[in-house]
Amino acid sequence: MDVVVPTPPETIYSSEMVPKVDPSRGKMFECTTVCTVQCSMESASDLLWFEYTYPRKYENKTYRFFDTVGPNAVKKSFDLLMNSKRGAISMSGLMFANRFEDHDRVTMVRDYVAFLLTAGLHMRCHHWTIVTASEVPGECHIQFYFQIYME
């Protein structure tokens, strides 16, 4: 049976990044990170959702559009100027995010597509954040999982 999001080890903090070759997507990286935090599942998931969906101001990033689709979904398009030793590289991107709430966990799913037009590259990132209650009162577990690959 294939597991979409692997079960992390039962520790306070762990992280693992693994290179992989997917039959349909080619070379990719997968990363799983888990941590325990000192707050409720509701507080942690609300804070993370705010972080994922709030349009921050950056000097090198602008938004073409930023639309909320109800309280649990957002879509945004952005332009980003990345500086390097060779000069600036322009990148455009789209991000879609949804939040799903169950009584025992909150799952946030994000999908990014980034375009480096001058290089002719398309990059995709699938990202899941899963927040679950802990057996210890006042704590919760947060698991971050993402896949990143070129299209």
Protein backbone atom coordinates (compact mmCIF):
# COMPACT_ATOMS: atom_id res chain seq x y z
CA MET A 1 0.00 0.00 0.00
CA ASP A 2 1.39 3.41 -0.97
CA VAL A 3 1.39 6.08 1.71
CA VAL A 4 1.08 9.64 0.45
CA VAL A 5 2.48 11.23 3.60
CA PRO A 6 4.93 8.97 5.45
CA THR A 7 4.59 8.55 9.20
CA PRO A 8 7.43 10.41 10.93
CA PRO A 9 9.35 9.05 13.91
CA GLU A 10 7.96 9.81 17.36
CA THR A 11 10.44 12.47 18.44
CA ILE A 12 10.18 16.12 19.39
CA TYR A 13 11.87 17.18 16.15
CA SER A 14 13.06 15.28 13.13
CA SER A 15 13.61 16.08 9.49
CA GLU A 16 14.60 14.05 6.48
CA MET A 17 15.13 15.02 2.83
CA VAL A 18 15.40 12.26 0.27
CA PRO A 19 16.20 12.46 -3.45
CA LYS A 20 13.95 10.20 -5.47
CA VAL A 21 13.04 9.33 -9.06
CA ASP A 22 9.29 9.19 -9.68
CA PRO A 23 8.14 7.28 -12.81
CA SER A 24 5.87 10.12 -13.97
CA ARG A 25 7.63 13.20 -12.53
CA GLY A 26 11.29 12.30 -12.84
CA LYS A 27 13.91 13.50 -10.34
CA MET A 28 12.48 15.05 -7.20
CA PHE A 29 13.16 15.74 -3.55
CA GLU A 30 10.83 14.75 -0.75
CA CYS A 31 11.13 16.24 2.71
CA THR A 32 9.37 15.25 5.92
CA THR A 33 9.72 17.32 9.08
CA VAL A 34 7.88 16.78 12.34
CA CYS A 35 7.94 18.82 15.52
CA THR A 36 6.05 19.15 18.77
CA VAL A 37 4.94 22.62 19.83
CA GLN A 38 3.66 24.02 23.11
CA CYS A 39 0.16 25.10 22.05
CA SER A 40 -3.17 23.62 21.08
CA MET A 41 -3.87 22.05 17.70
CA GLU A 42 -6.33 24.86 16.96
CA SER A 43 -3.85 27.64 17.80
CA ALA A 44 -1.04 26.08 15.77
CA SER A 45 -3.23 25.43 12.72
CA ASP A 46 -4.72 28.94 12.84
CA LEU A 47 -1.25 30.50 13.05
CA LEU A 48 0.09 28.39 10.18
CA TRP A 49 -2.97 29.09 8.01
CA PHE A 50 -2.51 32.81 8.63
CA GLU A 51 1.16 32.51 7.64
CA TYR A 52 0.28 30.63 4.45
CA THR A 53 -2.51 32.98 3.40
CA TYR A 54 -1.58 36.49 4.54
CA PRO A 55 -0.18 38.72 1.74
CA ARG A 56 3.09 39.98 3.20
CA LYS A 57 5.02 42.88 1.70
CA TYR A 58 8.46 42.09 0.33
CA GLU A 59 10.71 44.44 -1.62
CA ASN A 60 11.40 41.77 -4.25
CA LYS A 61 7.92 40.18 -4.47
CA THR A 62 4.64 41.53 -5.88
CA TYR A 63 1.24 39.92 -6.21
CA ARG A 64 -0.75 39.91 -9.45
CA PHE A 65 -3.75 38.64 -7.54
CA PHE A 66 -4.48 37.29 -4.08
CA ASP A 67 -7.96 35.85 -3.67
CA THR A 68 -9.52 34.07 -0.73
CA VAL A 69 -12.15 31.53 -1.68
CA GLY A 70 -14.09 31.26 1.57
CA PRO A 71 -12.35 30.83 4.93
CA ASN A 72 -10.44 27.67 3.96
CA ALA A 73 -9.01 28.32 0.49
CA VAL A 74 -6.76 30.88 -1.16
CA LYS A 75 -5.14 31.36 -4.55
CA LYS A 76 -2.42 33.80 -5.44
CA SER A 77 -0.18 34.74 -8.33
CA PHE A 78 3.13 36.46 -7.72
CA ASP A 79 6.28 37.78 -9.34
CA LEU A 80 9.58 37.41 -7.52
CA LEU A 81 12.99 38.88 -8.31
CA MET A 82 15.75 36.59 -7.01
CA ASN A 83 19.20 38.14 -6.69
CA SER A 84 22.36 36.13 -7.24
CA LYS A 85 26.04 36.75 -7.97
CA ARG A 86 25.24 36.60 -11.69
CA GLY A 87 22.44 39.15 -11.41
CA ALA A 88 18.71 39.10 -10.89
CA ILE A 89 16.45 36.26 -12.04
CA SER A 90 12.75 36.87 -12.56
CA MET A 91 10.31 34.20 -11.41
CA SER A 92 6.52 34.06 -11.62
CA GLY A 93 4.40 31.72 -9.57
CA LEU A 94 0.96 30.45 -8.65
CA MET A 95 -0.06 29.02 -5.29
CA PHE A 96 -3.29 27.31 -4.32
CA ALA A 97 -4.01 26.36 -0.70
CA ASN A 98 -6.86 24.57 1.07
CA ARG A 99 -7.47 23.78 4.72
CA PHE A 100 -9.41 20.72 5.87
CA GLU A 101 -10.51 20.45 9.50
CA ASP A 102 -11.33 17.18 11.25
CA HIS A 103 -11.94 16.70 14.96
CA ASP A 104 -8.52 15.06 15.46
CA ARG A 105 -6.39 16.91 12.89
CA VAL A 106 -6.14 19.89 10.55
CA THR A 107 -4.60 19.38 7.12
CA MET A 108 -3.39 22.23 4.92
CA VAL A 109 -2.55 21.43 1.31
CA ARG A 110 -0.61 23.84 -0.90
CA ASP A 111 0.44 23.51 -4.51
CA TYR A 112 3.00 25.83 -6.10
CA VAL A 113 3.99 26.24 -9.71
CA ALA A 114 6.97 28.51 -10.37
CA PHE A 115 8.14 29.67 -13.78
CA LEU A 116 11.69 30.85 -14.46
CA LEU A 117 10.85 32.21 -17.88
CA THR A 118 14.34 33.35 -18.88
CA ALA A 119 15.67 29.84 -18.23
CA GLY A 120 12.60 28.05 -19.61
CA LEU A 121 12.08 26.14 -16.35
CA HIS A 122 8.90 25.13 -14.53
CA MET A 123 9.12 23.94 -10.95
CA ARG A 124 6.31 22.39 -8.92
CA CYS A 125 5.96 21.88 -5.18
CA HIS A 126 3.26 19.87 -3.43
CA HIS A 127 3.10 20.65 0.29
CA TRP A 128 1.04 19.15 3.12
CA THR A 129 0.97 20.41 6.70
CA ILE A 130 -0.78 18.15 9.20
CA VAL A 131 -1.48 19.34 12.75
CA THR A 132 -2.62 16.75 15.30
CA ALA A 133 -3.36 16.93 18.99
CA SER A 134 -0.86 15.45 21.41
CA GLU A 135 -1.57 13.14 24.31
CA VAL A 136 0.10 15.80 26.46
CA PRO A 137 -2.29 18.67 27.28
CA GLY A 138 -1.23 21.98 25.72
CA GLU A 139 0.91 20.38 23.00
CA CYS A 140 0.40 19.37 19.40
CA HIS A 141 2.39 17.71 16.64
CA ILE A 142 3.04 19.38 13.30
CA GLN A 143 4.17 17.44 10.26
CA PHE A 144 5.40 19.18 7.12
CA TYR A 145 5.77 17.13 3.97
CA PHE A 146 6.69 18.37 0.52
CA GLN A 147 7.72 17.16 -2.90
CA ILE A 148 9.60 19.43 -5.29
CA TYR A 149 10.46 18.70 -8.91
CA MET A 150 10.98 20.25 -12.33
CA GLU A 151 8.38 19.94 -15.08
